[in-house]
Protein backbone atom coordinates (compact mmCIF):
# COMPACT_ATOMS: atom_id res chain seq x y z
CA MET A 1 97.29 72.81 -78.29
CA LYS A 2 95.40 74.15 -81.19
CA LYS A 3 98.52 74.31 -83.19
CA PHE A 4 99.40 70.49 -82.07
CA ILE A 5 96.02 69.52 -83.22
CA PHE A 6 96.10 71.37 -86.40
CA LYS A 7 99.65 69.61 -87.33
CA THR A 8 98.70 66.17 -86.23
CA SER A 9 95.38 66.82 -88.31
CA PHE A 10 97.38 66.47 -91.58
CA PHE A 11 98.50 63.02 -90.34
CA VAL A 12 95.49 61.51 -88.80
CA ALA A 13 92.99 62.91 -91.75
CA PRO A 14 94.25 60.42 -94.54
CA PHE A 15 93.97 57.72 -91.98
CA ALA A 16 90.58 58.30 -91.00
CA PHE A 17 89.59 58.53 -94.54
CA LEU A 18 90.80 54.98 -95.36
CA TYR A 19 89.42 54.10 -91.92
CA VAL A 20 85.88 54.86 -93.10
CA ILE A 21 86.50 53.35 -96.56
CA THR A 22 87.48 49.89 -94.91
CA LEU A 23 84.53 50.44 -92.16
CA LEU A 24 82.17 50.70 -95.36
CA PHE A 25 83.47 48.01 -97.65
CA TYR A 26 85.68 45.71 -95.68
CA SER A 27 83.84 42.48 -94.17
CA SER A 28 85.48 40.57 -91.52
CA SER A 29 82.81 37.82 -91.04
CA GLU A 30 83.76 34.28 -91.57
CA SER A 31 81.32 33.73 -94.68
CA PRO A 32 81.83 35.21 -97.32
CA ASP A 33 85.23 33.87 -96.86
CA LEU A 34 86.71 34.90 -100.36
CA ILE A 35 85.58 38.69 -99.60
CA ARG A 36 87.55 38.34 -96.31
CA LEU A 37 90.60 36.51 -97.18
CA GLY A 38 90.95 38.65 -100.59
CA CYS A 39 90.45 42.12 -98.93
CA PHE A 40 87.61 42.55 -101.61
CA PRO A 41 85.19 45.48 -101.19
CA ASN A 42 81.69 43.81 -99.95
CA ILE A 43 79.56 45.63 -102.33
CA PHE A 44 77.10 42.68 -102.80
CA LYS A 45 75.64 43.06 -99.45
CA GLU A 46 72.03 41.54 -100.91
CA TYR A 47 73.64 38.82 -103.06
CA ARG A 48 72.64 36.19 -100.72
CA ASN A 49 69.18 37.13 -100.43
CA VAL A 50 68.24 34.95 -103.17
CA PHE A 51 69.21 31.98 -100.80
CA HIS A 52 66.90 33.19 -98.08
CA ASP A 53 64.56 30.26 -97.81
CA ASP A 54 67.31 27.82 -97.76
CA PHE A 55 69.08 29.64 -94.95
CA LYS A 56 66.00 29.48 -93.00
CA ARG A 57 65.21 25.92 -93.49
CA LYS A 58 64.66 23.49 -90.40
CA ILE A 59 67.72 21.35 -89.70
CA TYR A 60 66.95 17.51 -89.88
CA PHE A 61 70.57 15.76 -89.27
CA ASN A 62 71.79 14.85 -86.07
CA LYS A 63 75.66 15.65 -84.79
CA ILE A 64 77.97 13.48 -82.84
CA SER A 65 78.40 16.37 -80.61
CA ARG A 66 74.62 16.97 -80.16
CA ILE A 67 72.63 13.68 -79.99
CA LYS A 68 74.06 10.69 -78.54
CA ASN A 69 72.92 6.88 -78.95
CA LYS A 70 70.79 7.56 -81.78
CA LYS A 71 70.55 5.14 -84.70
CA GLU A 72 71.03 6.50 -88.05
CA LYS A 73 71.01 5.07 -91.78
CA ILE A 74 73.87 7.48 -93.06
CA LEU A 75 76.95 8.73 -91.58
CA THR A 76 78.62 12.00 -93.28
CA ILE A 77 82.17 12.88 -92.40
CA GLY A 78 84.25 15.73 -94.23
CA ASP A 79 85.45 19.23 -94.37
CA SER A 80 83.84 22.48 -94.30
CA PHE A 81 81.71 21.38 -97.69
CA SER A 82 80.01 19.08 -94.83
CA GLU A 83 79.72 21.35 -92.57
CA GLN A 84 76.96 23.72 -94.07
CA GLY A 85 73.92 23.61 -91.67
CA ASN A 86 70.41 23.97 -92.92
CA TYR A 87 71.56 24.40 -97.07
CA GLY A 88 73.88 21.52 -96.71
CA TYR A 89 73.61 18.51 -99.00
CA LYS A 90 73.42 16.56 -95.82
CA ASN A 91 70.46 18.37 -94.57
CA TYR A 92 68.64 18.07 -97.88
CA LEU A 93 69.51 14.36 -97.78
CA SER A 94 67.99 14.17 -94.07
CA GLU A 95 64.61 15.01 -95.46
CA LYS A 96 64.23 11.39 -96.57
CA TYR A 97 66.93 9.65 -94.51
CA SER A 98 68.13 9.70 -91.20
CA VAL A 99 71.78 11.38 -91.01
CA LEU A 100 74.46 11.57 -88.27
CA HIS A 101 77.35 13.76 -89.17
CA ILE A 102 80.63 13.73 -87.54
CA ASP A 103 81.84 17.33 -86.58
CA ARG A 104 84.68 18.95 -88.39
CA PHE A 105 86.35 19.50 -84.97
CA ILE A 106 86.52 15.72 -84.46
CA SER A 107 87.81 14.88 -87.80
CA GLY A 108 90.69 17.05 -88.87
CA ASN A 109 91.62 14.46 -91.68
CA GLN A 110 88.45 12.86 -92.27
CA ILE A 111 89.94 9.79 -94.22
CA GLN A 112 92.56 9.17 -91.02
CA THR A 113 89.19 9.47 -88.59
CA LEU A 114 87.30 6.85 -90.56
CA TYR A 115 90.11 4.49 -90.30
CA GLU A 116 89.98 5.17 -86.54
CA LEU A 117 86.38 4.73 -86.27
CA LEU A 118 86.69 1.32 -88.00
CA ASN A 119 88.91 0.27 -85.91
CA GLY A 120 86.96 1.07 -82.63
CA ASP A 121 83.79 0.13 -81.48
CA PHE A 122 81.76 3.21 -83.22
CA PHE A 123 80.13 1.09 -86.00
CA ALA A 124 79.43 -1.88 -83.46
CA LYS A 125 77.31 0.75 -81.51
CA GLN A 126 75.34 1.85 -84.87
CA ASN A 127 73.07 0.82 -87.60
CA ILE A 128 75.11 2.74 -90.12
CA GLU A 129 74.25 1.59 -93.71
CA TYR A 130 76.12 3.89 -95.62
CA VAL A 131 79.23 6.33 -94.95
CA ILE A 132 79.58 9.51 -97.27
CA LEU A 133 83.17 10.48 -97.13
CA GLU A 134 83.19 13.91 -98.52
CA ASN A 135 86.78 16.06 -99.12
CA VAL A 136 87.61 19.10 -101.10
CA GLU A 137 89.60 18.24 -104.45
CA ARG A 138 92.60 20.41 -103.43
CA ASN A 139 93.02 18.60 -99.91
CA PHE A 140 91.84 14.87 -100.84
CA ILE A 141 95.47 13.41 -102.01
CA SER A 142 97.14 15.17 -99.39
CA ASN A 143 94.93 13.62 -96.87
CA ALA A 144 95.38 10.27 -98.06
CA ASN A 145 99.05 10.39 -97.41
CA ASN A 146 100.77 9.37 -94.31
CA ILE A 147 97.57 7.42 -93.13
CA ASP A 148 97.96 5.33 -90.16
CA SER A 149 95.71 2.59 -90.50
CA SER A 150 95.88 0.81 -87.45
CA LYS A 151 94.84 3.94 -85.23
CA ILE A 152 92.03 3.34 -82.94
CA ILE A 153 89.46 5.62 -81.31
CA MET A 154 86.65 4.61 -79.15
CA THR A 155 83.19 5.94 -78.69
CA SER A 156 84.53 6.93 -75.01
CA GLN A 157 87.15 9.02 -76.66
CA LEU A 158 84.69 10.65 -79.03
CA ASP A 159 82.81 11.79 -76.04
CA ASN A 160 85.71 13.25 -74.38
CA LEU A 161 86.61 15.22 -77.51
CA VAL A 162 82.93 16.61 -77.52
CA ARG A 163 83.22 17.64 -73.87
CA ASP A 164 86.49 19.37 -74.14
CA HIS A 165 85.22 21.16 -77.32
CA LYS A 166 85.47 24.87 -76.79
CA ILE A 167 83.96 27.18 -79.30
CA SER A 168 86.00 30.40 -79.36
CA LYS A 169 84.71 33.64 -80.80
CA LEU A 170 87.69 35.92 -82.30
CA ASP A 171 87.45 39.70 -82.31
CA ASN A 172 87.93 40.46 -85.93
CA SER A 173 87.66 44.16 -85.63
CA ASP A 174 90.55 46.36 -86.72
CA PRO A 175 92.08 49.47 -84.58
CA PHE A 176 92.18 52.79 -86.00
CA PHE A 177 95.91 52.55 -86.98
CA SER A 178 96.11 49.14 -88.37
CA LYS A 179 97.60 47.42 -91.42
CA LYS A 180 94.17 46.70 -92.50
CA THR A 181 93.22 50.56 -92.94
CA ILE A 182 96.12 51.03 -95.40
CA GLN A 183 95.83 47.78 -97.08
CA PHE A 184 92.16 47.50 -97.70
CA PRO A 185 91.37 50.58 -99.87
CA PHE A 186 94.31 49.86 -102.10
CA SER A 187 93.18 46.36 -102.63
CA MET A 188 89.66 47.74 -103.27
CA LEU A 189 91.04 49.81 -106.14
CA ARG A 190 92.91 47.10 -107.55
CA TYR A 191 89.62 44.94 -107.75
CA TYR A 192 88.17 47.37 -109.99
CA PHE A 193 91.09 48.12 -112.18
CA SER A 194 93.11 45.08 -112.36
CA GLN A 195 92.74 41.58 -114.05
CA ASN A 196 93.90 38.14 -113.44
CA TYR A 197 95.91 38.75 -110.17
CA LEU A 198 96.41 37.25 -106.79
CA SER A 199 95.06 39.66 -104.12
CA ASN A 200 96.07 39.67 -100.61
CA LYS A 201 98.16 36.59 -101.60
CA TYR A 202 95.11 34.45 -100.91
CA VAL A 203 92.65 34.97 -103.58
CA TYR A 204 92.63 35.26 -107.15
CA ASN A 205 90.51 37.45 -109.20
CA VAL A 206 90.13 36.20 -112.78
CA VAL A 207 88.03 37.28 -115.88
CA LEU A 208 85.35 34.86 -117.12
CA ASN A 209 84.39 34.69 -120.78
CA ARG A 210 80.57 34.92 -119.68
CA ASN A 211 78.63 37.08 -117.03
CA ASN A 212 75.81 34.90 -116.23
CA LEU A 213 77.24 32.23 -113.96
CA PHE A 214 76.45 33.98 -111.00
CA SER A 215 72.97 36.05 -110.28
CA ILE A 216 74.74 39.23 -109.50
CA ASN A 217 75.87 39.17 -113.38
CA GLU A 218 79.51 39.67 -112.51
CA SER A 219 82.22 38.37 -115.25
CA ASN A 220 84.84 37.55 -113.07
CA LEU A 221 85.85 34.42 -110.91
CA LEU A 222 87.05 34.22 -106.93
CA PHE A 223 88.91 31.35 -105.90
CA VAL A 224 91.39 30.58 -103.17
CA TYR A 225 95.15 30.44 -104.17
CA LYS A 226 95.21 26.74 -102.89
CA ASP A 227 93.12 25.62 -105.74
CA LEU A 228 96.27 26.48 -108.08
CA SER A 229 98.94 25.69 -105.73
CA CYS A 230 97.72 22.49 -105.44
CA LEU A 231 97.58 21.27 -109.09
CA GLU A 232 101.37 19.85 -109.13
CA GLU A 233 100.25 17.23 -106.56
CA ASN A 234 96.39 16.60 -107.69
CA ASN A 235 97.65 16.31 -111.45
CA ASP A 236 100.12 13.49 -110.64
CA LEU A 237 98.37 10.44 -111.44
CA ALA A 238 100.42 8.30 -109.09
CA GLY A 239 99.14 10.38 -106.41
CA VAL A 240 95.62 9.76 -107.59
CA GLN A 241 95.97 6.04 -107.86
CA LYS A 242 97.29 5.72 -104.30
CA LEU A 243 94.45 7.78 -102.89
CA ASN A 244 91.98 5.54 -105.09
CA ASN A 245 93.61 2.51 -103.36
CA VAL A 246 93.23 4.03 -99.95
CA LEU A 247 89.55 4.45 -100.79
CA ASN A 248 89.12 0.98 -102.17
CA ASP A 249 90.47 -0.18 -98.75
CA LEU A 250 88.07 1.84 -96.60
CA SER A 251 85.14 0.59 -98.87
CA ASN A 252 86.47 -3.27 -98.37
CA LYS A 253 86.66 -2.64 -94.46
CA LEU A 254 83.21 -1.12 -94.14
CA ARG A 255 81.75 -3.72 -96.50
CA ASP A 256 83.16 -6.28 -94.06
CA LYS A 257 80.74 -4.25 -91.50
CA LYS A 258 77.73 -4.45 -94.16
CA ILE A 259 78.20 -0.95 -94.82
CA LYS A 260 78.55 0.94 -98.27
CA LEU A 261 80.91 3.90 -98.81
CA ILE A 262 79.87 6.78 -101.01
CA VAL A 263 82.93 8.99 -101.95
CA LEU A 264 82.19 12.52 -102.45
CA PRO A 265 84.78 14.71 -103.90
CA ALA A 266 83.96 18.64 -103.90
CA PRO A 267 85.32 20.35 -106.86
CA ASP A 268 87.61 23.15 -106.03
CA LYS A 269 85.82 26.30 -107.64
CA TYR A 270 88.60 26.89 -109.81
CA ASP A 271 88.39 23.34 -111.54
CA LEU A 272 84.41 23.58 -111.61
CA TYR A 273 84.53 27.04 -113.53
CA TYR A 274 88.00 26.45 -115.43
CA ASP A 275 86.24 26.36 -119.02
CA TYR A 276 84.85 29.62 -118.61
CA ILE A 277 88.18 31.44 -117.62
CA ALA A 278 88.77 33.82 -120.62
CA ASP A 279 92.75 33.70 -120.68
CA LYS A 280 94.27 30.31 -119.54
CA THR A 281 97.64 31.28 -120.19
CA LYS A 282 98.88 31.58 -116.68
CA PHE A 283 96.09 28.84 -115.41
CA PRO A 284 96.79 25.19 -115.98
CA ARG A 285 93.69 22.62 -116.39
CA PRO A 286 93.03 20.65 -113.27
CA LEU A 287 93.19 16.71 -114.28
CA PHE A 288 92.03 15.17 -110.63
CA PHE A 289 88.53 14.06 -112.06
CA ASN A 290 89.76 12.92 -115.33
CA ASN A 291 92.32 10.79 -113.46
CA LEU A 292 90.24 9.63 -110.64
CA GLY A 293 87.23 8.61 -113.04
CA ALA A 294 89.34 6.39 -115.02
CA LEU A 295 90.13 4.13 -112.16
CA LYS A 296 88.59 0.94 -110.84
CA LYS A 297 86.73 1.77 -107.71
CA ASN A 298 85.08 -0.71 -104.97
CA TYR A 299 83.13 2.17 -103.91
CA VAL A 300 80.01 4.50 -104.89
CA TYR A 301 81.71 7.22 -106.65
CA ILE A 302 79.71 10.60 -106.87
CA ASN A 303 81.28 12.53 -109.83
CA SER A 304 80.37 15.75 -108.50
CA LYS A 305 82.14 17.94 -111.08
CA LYS A 306 80.54 16.03 -114.05
CA ILE A 307 77.24 16.39 -112.19
CA LEU A 308 77.60 20.19 -111.38
CA SER A 309 79.20 21.00 -114.64
CA ALA A 310 76.10 19.94 -116.70
CA GLN A 311 74.01 22.42 -114.67
CA LEU A 312 76.40 25.45 -115.21
CA SER A 313 74.55 26.66 -118.25
CA ARG A 314 71.09 26.26 -116.71
CA LYS A 315 71.42 27.30 -113.39
CA LYS A 316 73.29 30.40 -111.73
CA ASP A 317 75.06 30.50 -108.32
CA ILE A 318 76.29 26.55 -108.41
CA TYR A 319 79.02 27.87 -106.28
CA PHE A 320 78.48 31.07 -104.20
CA TYR A 321 80.19 34.19 -106.12
CA ASP A 322 82.11 35.30 -103.14
CA ASP A 323 82.78 32.30 -101.30
CA THR A 324 85.01 29.16 -101.79
CA HIS A 325 81.84 26.69 -101.50
CA TRP A 326 79.04 25.53 -103.44
CA SER A 327 75.77 27.15 -102.93
CA PRO A 328 72.21 25.66 -102.11
CA VAL A 329 71.75 25.06 -105.46
CA ALA A 330 74.30 22.74 -105.65
CA SER A 331 73.76 21.10 -102.52
CA LYS A 332 70.13 19.98 -103.68
CA ILE A 333 71.70 18.38 -106.96
CA ILE A 334 74.19 16.54 -104.99
CA ALA A 335 71.55 15.38 -102.33
CA ASP A 336 69.58 14.08 -105.14
CA GLU A 337 72.28 12.04 -106.78
CA ILE A 338 73.04 10.60 -103.26
CA LYS A 339 69.50 9.48 -103.10
CA LYS A 340 69.65 8.01 -106.47
CA GLU A 341 72.60 5.90 -105.52
CA ILE A 342 70.83 4.90 -102.50
CA ASN A 343 67.53 4.06 -104.04
């Protein structure tokens, strides 16, 4: 028995060492998403303490899934950028206006869902004055493709969706002998010794030409691979024009109901920080905001890239260093711009 244990220890010991490394530095939590997806070491565990007060804020907005038959002034519908809770733009907006949010699980494609709400009885039962349609840059054009503008969803169907919705909790822990145990330590080494590479097929780690864009003073940028892979579609002017036509159509339909449409594209992290990438040889320039900005619009347009870019030299952490999304810093800036448009 002793010989067996002695022999197997030569095999098990390296795994044990790698497992301990993974246990100490790997993050399996949903946020920060880029650390998890890229298999980067979670070495800045105290980073988000600078946002402590924002994370503790009271929630003022209401959700379709939480409160029924409450009359609101503003309706927000979007993706994960609109799902940020007490530190999201909609919560800062809610300090001044009454806001109702369409839960993400209801609106897989927020453009399609907005058409369905328009064709149903939803707006007839609400006192909505403004609709804020938020969409992250990388998915905006694709979401506008293959839209069925005739589909309908009634409030009774919304109630059923809410009632049937189940929040599932996944076990993200890894067993001792797992692919992650071997994969993560080597990915961690690459984080320290490589530059301008795609990690774990999901997240780029790119060198910047300055180290003061984030409060941890790191001179690298983490962004999801889709920010880059979407460029062929998003840099196509014809696709942007089609998107703009869809948004104008939505705006006209909402105007018939005496509702104003506010369109809020959320910049890809890659796009917002693009000018600060040190070596752009393999990284083409995003043109989405340039193309969209030049088109005629029947809706209120929040040029978030222009607004946030103007603050990059003055404020740190416009986006989280370790995450795809903007931080409370940006949420406040965006909320203030929306308030100006409404006023």
